[in-house]
Amino acid sequence: MKPFYYLKYFYFIARNWNIRLAAFTVYHEIRGEKIYHLDTTEIDDLKGERIESSNLSHASIYQGTNYYLIEKAFEYLQTQKANQQLLDFGSGKGRIIIVAAHYGFKSITGVDFSQSLCREAGNNIEKIKPLFPATNFKIVCSDAVNYSIESDTNVFFFFNPFDEVVMLQVVRKILTSLKKNARKVYIVYVNPLHKEIFLSAGFEEEYSLKKMEYLEFVILSKEPEDLVD
């Protein structure tokens, strides 16, 4: 059924955007799923699942991040020797978590409030765990605003998982974590609709990439000295 889904996905993108973008996206979906041995392509609007969260209306549908963007972002973080402790907000089926392991991250946590997506992420992680015995994987089924950020997390990943209402609360939690343990942190933000929230909080744009107008990510960072009141 996967080839049929790829055709549907191609048609959907071509109809709503353009054929060139559709071809690029589907090519990287097929390539990425094959390389990382995953099955995370299908979009899920979560309407068939009962989710107990007051923030459900602020969430986006599940859609896997474009593999090309993931790899380019992680390649940059490798050059900065920042591939250490990653937290993926809205981790879905675990695509970011698995790719992060391939890029040398040693502690990787995914947070999502969908139990079905968390189960799928857990299953995907179990398949690749033997390849990364020294890597600590964790899936937390929780609302992002309720999750307590660990003091050594240095990379935060977002694929536009929620609107500005929740994003503002999450940014505040990140800042609280930085006050407890001052360190340089990076924000990888794909489709950065609410980038201004980070900029207003003192983060600086360090790197960005835009492809075919619609595919985009930014990497923002905050230095320890920026945290001094």
Protein backbone atom coordinates (compact mmCIF):
# COMPACT_ATOMS: atom_id res chain seq x y z
CA MET A 1 0.00 0.00 0.00
CA LYS A 2 2.94 2.34 0.44
CA PRO A 3 3.48 3.03 -3.30
CA PHE A 4 -0.21 3.93 -3.54
CA TYR A 5 0.16 6.32 -0.61
CA TYR A 6 3.19 7.97 -2.21
CA LEU A 7 1.13 8.59 -5.34
CA LYS A 8 -1.65 10.15 -3.26
CA TYR A 9 0.92 12.24 -1.38
CA PHE A 10 2.48 13.40 -4.66
CA TYR A 11 -0.93 14.39 -6.02
CA PHE A 12 -1.85 16.22 -2.81
CA ILE A 13 1.32 18.34 -2.86
CA ALA A 14 1.20 18.96 -6.61
CA ARG A 15 -2.43 20.09 -6.42
CA ASN A 16 -1.92 22.41 -3.45
CA TRP A 17 1.59 23.69 -4.24
CA ASN A 18 3.45 22.54 -7.36
CA ILE A 19 4.77 19.45 -9.15
CA ARG A 20 8.43 20.24 -8.52
CA LEU A 21 7.88 20.41 -4.76
CA ALA A 22 5.83 17.20 -4.89
CA ALA A 23 8.61 15.34 -6.71
CA PHE A 24 11.29 16.60 -4.30
CA THR A 25 9.23 15.76 -1.22
CA VAL A 26 8.20 12.27 -2.29
CA TYR A 27 11.73 11.44 -3.46
CA HIS A 28 13.14 12.28 -0.04
CA GLU A 29 10.31 10.43 1.71
CA ILE A 30 11.09 7.23 -0.18
CA ARG A 31 14.85 7.66 0.27
CA GLY A 32 14.61 8.52 3.99
CA GLU A 33 12.21 5.72 4.89
CA LYS A 34 14.50 3.24 3.13
CA ILE A 35 17.76 4.50 4.68
CA TYR A 36 16.42 4.67 8.25
CA HIS A 37 14.13 1.60 7.97
CA LEU A 38 11.03 3.53 8.98
CA ASP A 39 7.35 3.71 8.15
CA THR A 40 6.44 7.24 9.24
CA THR A 41 5.16 8.91 6.08
CA GLU A 42 1.39 8.86 6.45
CA ILE A 43 -0.29 12.00 7.77
CA ASP A 44 -2.54 11.62 10.82
CA ASP A 45 -5.07 14.27 11.83
CA LEU A 46 -5.62 12.48 15.17
CA LYS A 47 -9.40 12.77 14.81
CA GLY A 48 -9.83 9.07 15.46
CA GLU A 49 -8.14 9.25 18.84
CA ARG A 50 -9.49 10.56 22.12
CA ILE A 51 -6.83 12.88 23.53
CA GLU A 52 -7.28 14.31 27.00
CA SER A 53 -5.73 17.74 26.69
CA SER A 54 -6.99 21.28 26.98
CA ASN A 55 -4.44 22.20 24.29
CA LEU A 56 -5.78 19.88 21.60
CA SER A 57 -7.20 22.81 19.64
CA HIS A 58 -3.74 24.40 19.56
CA ALA A 59 -2.01 21.34 18.06
CA SER A 60 -1.09 20.62 14.45
CA ILE A 61 -1.77 17.37 12.61
CA TYR A 62 0.95 14.72 12.54
CA GLN A 63 3.19 14.94 9.50
CA GLY A 64 6.76 13.70 9.31
CA THR A 65 9.45 16.35 8.86
CA ASN A 66 11.09 16.35 5.44
CA TYR A 67 14.18 14.13 5.62
CA TYR A 68 16.25 16.59 3.60
CA LEU A 69 15.65 19.32 6.18
CA ILE A 70 16.33 16.99 9.11
CA GLU A 71 19.67 15.91 7.69
CA LYS A 72 20.78 19.44 6.84
CA ALA A 73 19.90 20.65 10.34
CA PHE A 74 21.72 17.78 12.05
CA GLU A 75 24.75 18.20 9.76
CA TYR A 76 25.04 21.79 10.97
CA LEU A 77 24.70 20.77 14.63
CA GLN A 78 27.45 18.21 14.12
CA THR A 79 29.79 20.96 12.94
CA GLN A 80 29.05 22.79 16.20
CA LYS A 81 29.56 19.59 18.24
CA ALA A 82 26.04 20.14 19.54
CA ASN A 83 24.73 16.62 18.83
CA GLN A 84 24.35 15.69 22.49
CA GLN A 85 20.95 15.78 24.25
CA LEU A 86 17.89 16.31 22.06
CA LEU A 87 14.24 16.89 22.94
CA ASP A 88 11.66 16.65 20.17
CA PHE A 89 8.36 18.38 20.90
CA GLY A 90 5.54 16.71 18.98
CA SER A 91 7.64 13.62 18.30
CA GLY A 92 4.90 11.70 16.47
CA LYS A 93 6.09 8.35 15.14
CA GLY A 94 9.71 8.96 16.12
CA ARG A 95 11.27 10.04 12.84
CA ILE A 96 13.41 12.79 14.39
CA ILE A 97 14.48 10.50 17.21
CA ILE A 98 15.71 7.76 14.90
CA VAL A 99 17.55 10.14 12.55
CA ALA A 100 19.12 11.92 15.53
CA ALA A 101 20.58 8.62 16.70
CA HIS A 102 22.24 8.20 13.31
CA TYR A 103 23.77 11.66 13.75
CA GLY A 104 25.39 10.79 17.06
CA PHE A 105 23.01 12.18 19.68
CA LYS A 106 23.46 10.19 22.88
CA SER A 107 20.27 11.11 24.73
CA ILE A 108 17.07 11.59 22.75
CA THR A 109 13.62 12.27 24.16
CA GLY A 110 10.34 12.62 22.31
CA VAL A 111 7.24 14.26 23.80
CA ASP A 112 3.79 13.83 22.28
CA PHE A 113 0.28 13.82 23.73
CA SER A 114 -1.04 11.15 21.36
CA GLN A 115 -0.84 7.68 22.89
CA SER A 116 -1.14 5.97 19.50
CA LEU A 117 1.73 7.99 18.04
CA CYS A 118 3.84 7.35 21.15
CA ARG A 119 3.26 3.60 20.74
CA GLU A 120 4.35 3.77 17.10
CA ALA A 121 7.43 5.77 18.07
CA GLY A 122 8.27 3.20 20.73
CA ASN A 123 7.96 0.37 18.21
CA ASN A 124 10.22 2.18 15.75
CA ILE A 125 12.82 2.79 18.45
CA GLU A 126 12.84 -0.86 19.51
CA LYS A 127 13.73 -1.85 15.94
CA ILE A 128 16.87 0.30 15.83
CA LYS A 129 17.99 0.11 19.47
CA PRO A 130 20.51 -2.70 18.81
CA LEU A 131 22.33 -0.36 16.41
CA PHE A 132 22.80 2.27 19.12
CA PRO A 133 23.45 0.49 22.44
CA ALA A 134 25.04 3.59 23.99
CA THR A 135 22.11 5.88 23.14
CA ASN A 136 19.42 6.68 25.70
CA PHE A 137 15.97 6.80 24.07
CA LYS A 138 12.84 7.99 25.83
CA ILE A 139 9.25 8.60 24.72
CA VAL A 140 7.04 10.62 27.03
CA CYS A 141 3.29 10.71 26.39
CA SER A 142 2.47 14.13 27.77
CA ASP A 143 1.18 17.55 26.91
CA ALA A 144 4.20 19.72 26.03
CA VAL A 145 3.27 22.37 28.60
CA ASN A 146 3.32 19.77 31.38
CA TYR A 147 6.67 18.24 30.51
CA SER A 148 9.59 19.07 32.84
CA ILE A 149 12.65 19.83 30.73
CA GLU A 150 15.81 18.06 31.83
CA SER A 151 18.67 20.33 32.82
CA ASP A 152 21.17 18.98 30.31
CA THR A 153 19.03 19.13 27.14
CA ASN A 154 20.87 21.29 24.62
CA VAL A 155 18.85 20.85 21.40
CA PHE A 156 15.10 21.37 21.06
CA PHE A 157 13.35 20.29 17.86
CA PHE A 158 10.04 21.69 16.59
CA PHE A 159 8.21 20.99 13.34
CA ASN A 160 5.54 23.59 13.98
CA PRO A 161 3.79 21.21 16.41
CA PHE A 162 1.47 23.79 17.96
CA ASP A 163 0.33 27.39 17.71
CA GLU A 164 1.69 30.47 19.47
CA VAL A 165 -0.42 29.89 22.60
CA VAL A 166 1.39 26.66 23.49
CA MET A 167 4.71 27.73 21.96
CA LEU A 168 4.89 30.71 24.30
CA GLN A 169 4.44 28.43 27.32
CA VAL A 170 7.07 25.98 26.07
CA VAL A 171 9.60 28.76 25.47
CA ARG A 172 9.08 29.93 29.03
CA LYS A 173 9.80 26.41 30.26
CA ILE A 174 13.01 26.34 28.23
CA LEU A 175 14.09 29.65 29.75
CA THR A 176 13.34 28.33 33.24
CA SER A 177 15.52 25.32 32.50
CA LEU A 178 18.35 27.60 31.39
CA LYS A 179 18.19 29.56 34.62
CA LYS A 180 18.61 26.33 36.57
CA ASN A 181 21.55 25.21 34.45
CA ALA A 182 23.15 27.89 32.25
CA ARG A 183 24.29 26.34 28.94
CA LYS A 184 24.22 27.04 25.24
CA VAL A 185 21.10 25.61 23.63
CA TYR A 186 19.89 25.29 20.06
CA ILE A 187 16.37 25.45 18.67
CA VAL A 188 15.76 23.61 15.40
CA TYR A 189 12.50 25.03 14.09
CA VAL A 190 11.05 23.64 10.85
CA ASN A 191 8.35 25.77 9.20
CA PRO A 192 9.07 28.52 11.76
CA LEU A 193 5.72 30.31 11.87
CA HIS A 194 6.29 31.60 15.40
CA LYS A 195 10.00 32.35 15.25
CA GLU A 196 9.38 35.80 16.72
CA ILE A 197 8.55 34.24 20.08
CA PHE A 198 12.09 32.89 20.30
CA LEU A 199 13.65 36.12 19.06
CA SER A 200 11.67 38.10 21.62
CA ALA A 201 12.96 35.73 24.32
CA GLY A 202 16.56 36.53 23.45
CA PHE A 203 17.40 33.72 21.05
CA GLU A 204 19.45 34.59 17.97
CA GLU A 205 19.12 33.10 14.52
CA GLU A 206 22.36 31.21 13.86
CA TYR A 207 21.64 29.25 10.69
CA SER A 208 18.80 28.82 8.22
CA LEU A 209 17.93 26.99 5.05
CA LYS A 210 15.11 27.48 2.60
CA LYS A 211 14.35 25.20 -0.33
CA MET A 212 11.75 25.73 -3.06
CA GLU A 213 10.08 28.52 -1.06
CA TYR A 214 8.01 26.16 1.10
CA LEU A 215 10.65 23.99 2.80
CA GLU A 216 12.41 25.90 5.54
CA PHE A 217 14.08 25.62 8.92
CA VAL A 218 15.98 27.94 11.20
CA ILE A 219 18.41 27.15 13.98
CA LEU A 220 18.33 29.63 16.83
CA SER A 221 20.65 29.61 19.81
CA LYS A 222 21.12 31.18 23.19
CA GLU A 223 24.47 31.56 24.94
CA PRO A 224 24.88 31.20 28.73
CA GLU A 225 25.90 34.85 29.06
CA ASP A 226 22.59 35.86 27.47
CA LEU A 227 20.83 34.54 30.57
CA VAL A 228 22.26 37.10 32.98
CA ASP A 229 19.57 39.44 34.28
